[in-house]
Protein backbone atom coordinates (compact mmCIF):
# COMPACT_ATOMS: atom_id res chain seq x y z
CA UNK A 1 200.27 -90.33 161.21
CA UNK A 2 202.06 -88.77 164.16
CA UNK A 3 202.88 -90.05 167.62
CA UNK A 4 199.42 -90.02 169.22
CA UNK A 5 199.20 -93.79 168.80
CA UNK A 6 202.21 -94.32 171.08
CA UNK A 7 200.88 -92.15 173.92
CA UNK A 8 199.04 -93.67 176.86
CA UNK A 9 195.73 -92.19 177.96
CA UNK A 10 197.44 -90.65 181.00
CA UNK A 11 200.04 -89.03 178.76
CA UNK A 12 197.34 -87.64 176.46
CA UNK A 13 195.63 -86.10 179.48
CA UNK A 14 198.86 -84.48 180.69
CA UNK A 15 199.69 -83.21 177.21
CA UNK A 16 196.25 -81.75 176.61
CA UNK A 17 196.02 -80.04 180.00
CA UNK A 18 199.52 -78.63 179.57
CA UNK A 19 198.61 -77.29 176.11
CA UNK A 20 195.37 -75.72 177.36
CA UNK A 21 197.21 -74.06 180.25
CA UNK A 22 199.92 -72.62 177.96
CA UNK A 23 197.67 -71.59 175.07
CA UNK A 24 195.19 -69.72 177.27
CA UNK A 25 192.40 -69.85 174.69
CA UNK A 26 194.36 -68.26 171.85
CA UNK A 27 193.71 -71.21 169.49
CA UNK A 28 191.59 -74.36 169.74
CA UNK A 29 193.04 -77.54 171.23
CA UNK A 30 191.87 -80.59 169.29
CA UNK A 31 192.11 -84.26 170.32
CA UNK A 32 192.58 -86.86 167.61
CA UNK A 33 190.59 -90.09 167.89
CA UNK A 34 192.12 -93.07 166.07
CA UNK A 35 190.67 -96.20 167.64
CA UNK A 36 189.80 -99.70 166.55
CA UNK A 37 186.41 -99.89 168.27
CA UNK A 38 183.39 -97.65 168.74
CA UNK A 39 183.59 -98.24 172.50
CA UNK A 40 187.12 -96.82 172.72
CA UNK A 41 186.26 -93.93 170.41
CA UNK A 42 183.32 -93.01 172.67
CA UNK A 43 185.61 -93.17 175.70
CA UNK A 44 188.17 -90.88 174.04
CA UNK A 45 185.47 -88.37 173.08
CA UNK A 46 184.18 -88.31 176.67
CA UNK A 47 187.69 -87.92 178.07
CA UNK A 48 188.42 -85.09 175.63
CA UNK A 49 185.36 -83.24 176.87
CA UNK A 50 186.40 -83.85 180.48
CA UNK A 51 189.93 -82.60 179.81
CA UNK A 52 188.67 -79.40 178.19
CA UNK A 53 189.47 -79.81 174.50
CA UNK A 54 187.71 -77.55 172.00
CA UNK A 55 187.09 -80.19 169.36
CA UNK A 56 187.85 -83.64 168.01
CA UNK A 57 189.42 -85.00 164.84
CA UNK A 58 188.26 -88.50 163.95
CA UNK A 59 189.67 -91.18 161.73
CA UNK A 60 187.57 -94.12 160.52
CA UNK A 61 187.97 -97.29 162.59
CA UNK A 62 191.54 -98.57 162.67
CA UNK A 63 192.57 -102.07 161.48
CA UNK A 64 189.15 -102.82 159.97
CA UNK A 65 187.88 -101.34 156.73
CA UNK A 66 184.16 -100.69 157.29
CA UNK A 67 181.49 -100.62 154.62
CA UNK A 68 179.36 -97.52 154.05
CA UNK A 69 176.75 -98.31 156.71
CA UNK A 70 179.34 -99.22 159.32
CA UNK A 71 181.41 -96.09 158.63
CA UNK A 72 178.48 -93.69 158.84
CA UNK A 73 177.16 -95.40 161.98
CA UNK A 74 180.59 -95.16 163.61
CA UNK A 75 180.90 -91.41 163.02
CA UNK A 76 177.26 -90.74 163.93
CA UNK A 77 177.49 -92.71 167.17
CA UNK A 78 180.45 -90.68 168.40
CA UNK A 79 179.03 -87.38 167.15
CA UNK A 80 175.72 -88.03 168.90
CA UNK A 81 177.56 -88.69 172.17
CA UNK A 82 179.17 -85.25 172.43
CA UNK A 83 178.57 -81.57 171.77
CA UNK A 84 182.19 -81.04 170.68
CA UNK A 85 182.73 -80.10 167.02
CA UNK A 86 184.26 -82.89 164.95
CA UNK A 87 186.60 -82.87 161.96
CA UNK A 88 186.66 -86.04 159.86
CA UNK A 89 190.15 -87.10 158.73
CA UNK A 90 189.71 -88.47 155.20
CA UNK A 91 192.92 -90.31 154.31
CA UNK A 92 192.26 -93.45 152.26
CA UNK A 93 195.87 -93.59 151.03
CA UNK A 94 197.27 -94.37 154.47
CA UNK A 95 194.21 -95.69 156.33
CA UNK A 96 192.44 -97.59 153.50
CA UNK A 97 188.96 -96.16 154.14
CA UNK A 98 187.53 -93.47 151.86
CA UNK A 99 184.88 -91.22 153.36
CA UNK A 100 182.74 -90.75 150.26
CA UNK A 101 180.51 -87.84 149.27
CA UNK A 102 177.54 -90.10 150.01
CA UNK A 103 178.87 -90.64 153.53
CA UNK A 104 179.32 -86.91 154.05
CA UNK A 105 175.75 -86.44 152.77
CA UNK A 106 174.42 -88.68 155.55
CA UNK A 107 176.69 -87.04 158.12
CA UNK A 108 175.11 -83.64 157.49
CA UNK A 109 172.48 -84.88 159.97
CA UNK A 110 175.13 -84.41 162.70
CA UNK A 111 175.40 -80.66 163.18
CA UNK A 112 178.63 -80.99 165.16
CA UNK A 113 180.48 -82.71 162.29
CA UNK A 114 181.75 -79.46 160.84
CA UNK A 115 184.99 -80.06 158.94
CA UNK A 116 187.13 -82.47 156.96
CA UNK A 117 190.88 -82.91 156.82
CA UNK A 118 191.11 -83.57 153.09
CA UNK A 119 193.94 -86.05 152.52
CA UNK A 120 192.61 -88.13 149.63
CA UNK A 121 195.48 -86.78 147.44
CA UNK A 122 192.80 -85.90 144.86
CA UNK A 123 192.86 -82.11 144.48
CA UNK A 124 189.50 -82.22 142.72
CA UNK A 125 187.87 -83.48 145.91
CA UNK A 126 187.99 -79.94 147.32
CA UNK A 127 185.82 -78.81 144.42
CA UNK A 128 183.51 -81.83 144.79
CA UNK A 129 182.96 -81.05 148.47
CA UNK A 130 182.37 -77.35 147.85
CA UNK A 131 180.05 -77.99 144.90
CA UNK A 132 177.93 -80.50 146.81
CA UNK A 133 177.92 -78.98 150.28
CA UNK A 134 178.84 -75.31 149.90
CA UNK A 135 180.08 -74.09 153.28
CA UNK A 136 178.43 -76.90 155.27
CA UNK A 137 181.88 -78.40 155.90
CA UNK A 138 185.12 -76.51 156.34
CA UNK A 139 187.56 -78.23 153.98
CA UNK A 140 191.15 -78.24 155.24
CA UNK A 141 194.05 -79.41 153.09
CA UNK A 142 195.80 -82.26 154.89
CA UNK A 143 198.67 -82.88 152.46
CA UNK A 144 201.52 -80.36 152.56
CA UNK A 145 202.51 -80.84 148.92
CA UNK A 146 199.01 -79.82 147.79
CA UNK A 147 198.87 -76.62 149.84
CA UNK A 148 198.77 -74.12 147.01
CA UNK A 149 196.61 -76.21 144.69
CA UNK A 150 193.91 -76.92 147.27
CA UNK A 151 193.83 -73.40 148.71
CA UNK A 152 193.43 -72.01 145.18
CA UNK A 153 190.60 -74.53 144.64
CA UNK A 154 188.79 -73.14 147.67
CA UNK A 155 190.05 -75.06 150.70
CA UNK A 156 189.36 -73.08 153.87
CA UNK A 157 192.67 -73.80 155.55
CA UNK A 158 195.35 -76.35 156.35
CA UNK A 159 196.11 -79.17 158.73
CA UNK A 160 199.80 -79.01 157.96
CA UNK A 161 202.99 -80.81 158.93
CA UNK A 162 205.97 -78.57 158.17
CA UNK A 163 204.09 -75.69 159.81
CA UNK A 164 205.50 -77.18 163.04
CA UNK A 165 208.97 -76.05 161.95
CA UNK A 166 208.11 -73.18 159.57
CA UNK A 167 205.00 -71.46 160.97
CA UNK A 168 205.69 -67.97 159.59
CA UNK A 169 206.30 -69.24 156.06
CA UNK A 170 203.17 -71.41 156.15
CA UNK A 171 200.98 -68.54 157.34
CA UNK A 172 202.50 -66.20 154.74
CA UNK A 173 201.71 -68.69 151.99
CA UNK A 174 198.13 -69.08 153.21
CA UNK A 175 197.55 -65.31 153.45
CA UNK A 176 199.02 -64.56 150.03
CA UNK A 177 196.89 -67.21 148.32
CA UNK A 178 193.72 -66.05 150.07
CA UNK A 179 194.54 -62.46 149.05
CA UNK A 180 194.90 -63.53 145.42
CA UNK A 181 198.60 -62.62 145.34
CA UNK A 182 199.50 -65.80 143.50
CA UNK A 183 202.83 -64.75 141.98
CA UNK A 184 204.22 -64.02 145.44
CA UNK A 185 202.67 -67.21 146.82
CA UNK A 186 204.13 -69.36 144.05
CA UNK A 187 207.62 -67.98 144.72
CA UNK A 188 207.37 -69.08 148.36
CA UNK A 189 205.78 -72.38 147.41
CA UNK A 190 208.61 -73.27 145.01
CA UNK A 191 211.13 -72.61 147.77
CA UNK A 192 208.99 -74.54 150.28
CA UNK A 193 208.17 -77.65 148.24
CA UNK A 194 211.34 -79.68 148.99
CA UNK A 195 210.57 -79.21 152.69
CA UNK A 196 206.87 -79.96 152.24
CA UNK A 197 207.78 -83.28 150.61
CA UNK A 198 209.11 -84.40 153.99
CA UNK A 199 205.45 -84.61 155.06
CA UNK A 200 204.57 -87.40 152.62
CA UNK A 201 207.31 -89.86 153.59
CA UNK A 202 206.80 -92.80 155.97
CA UNK A 203 209.32 -91.10 158.30
CA UNK A 204 207.49 -87.77 158.32
CA UNK A 205 207.59 -87.67 162.14
CA UNK A 206 211.37 -88.02 162.28
CA UNK A 207 211.86 -85.58 159.40
CA UNK A 208 209.53 -82.89 160.72
CA UNK A 209 210.89 -83.15 164.26
CA UNK A 210 214.45 -82.77 162.95
CA UNK A 211 213.30 -79.65 161.10
CA UNK A 212 211.70 -78.36 164.30
CA UNK A 213 215.00 -78.86 166.11
CA UNK A 214 216.96 -77.03 163.41
CA UNK A 215 214.60 -74.04 163.56
CA UNK A 216 214.82 -73.91 167.35
CA UNK A 217 211.19 -74.87 167.95
CA UNK A 218 211.36 -78.51 169.03
CA UNK A 219 213.40 -81.68 169.47
CA UNK A 220 214.25 -84.56 167.16
CA UNK A 221 213.39 -87.04 169.96
CA UNK A 222 210.87 -89.68 168.90
CA UNK A 223 209.27 -92.56 170.75
CA UNK A 224 210.02 -96.18 169.84
CA UNK A 225 209.47 -98.03 167.62
CA UNK A 226 210.50 -94.91 165.70
CA UNK A 227 214.17 -94.08 166.09
CA UNK A 228 215.97 -90.79 165.56
CA UNK A 229 217.73 -90.51 162.24
CA UNK A 230 221.37 -91.54 161.85
CA UNK A 231 224.10 -91.66 159.24
CA UNK A 232 223.60 -90.73 155.61
CA UNK A 233 219.82 -90.37 155.95
CA UNK A 234 220.12 -87.85 158.79
CA UNK A 235 222.78 -85.90 156.91
CA UNK A 236 220.66 -85.83 153.76
CA UNK A 237 217.61 -84.44 155.57
CA UNK A 238 219.75 -81.98 157.53
CA UNK A 239 221.32 -80.71 154.30
CA UNK A 240 217.89 -80.13 152.77
CA UNK A 241 216.73 -78.21 155.88
CA UNK A 242 219.91 -76.15 156.13
CA UNK A 243 219.81 -75.25 152.42
CA UNK A 244 216.26 -73.98 152.83
């Protein structure tokens, strides 16, 4: 949903190597694979390994909605080509392909498919995954506005959006929920929710980057065809950020 799709392969390489150099092993660096063909997905996985990433996140094939057999074969083919750990990005709302429990059952054969970014918008899916697979897959909430609900339901962590602008608040919320301090967590969550709703808009990239700029972390610059916000829309989002 971000800007990876408007980066060239050369730019991805520069970005990844820069990140690895700056991070110095403190946290994993993960390459997202969102391709329309198995051939290109295999190439991206190989390049990620060559560049030194610690893992991959994979979407189903882009632009074509595969059936069950095609989807499982796609993920298995890439997983079998690499020893990097893989997180499946399950987002049928935006990408039209649901990775079902039956698909995850077959994918247990791939030991390096270890996690799911849970973005189905169905909070109960966290419980379904945990009930069926236990700790076989790390389940990470991928929708900011479901942070509290999915962590309470047993999600292991977050693949968040507004964390890019509000890292301390996001980590505090996570730690409080995991410690069972729900009253304190809910107080933060109620403050945070108007900001978190920026993550579920079609312009989430522009909105989050503007928030990053306002917190001194990043820039509102975006790559075309996206354009930076102007006029009433920009003022409305700025007012929300500044109020928070």
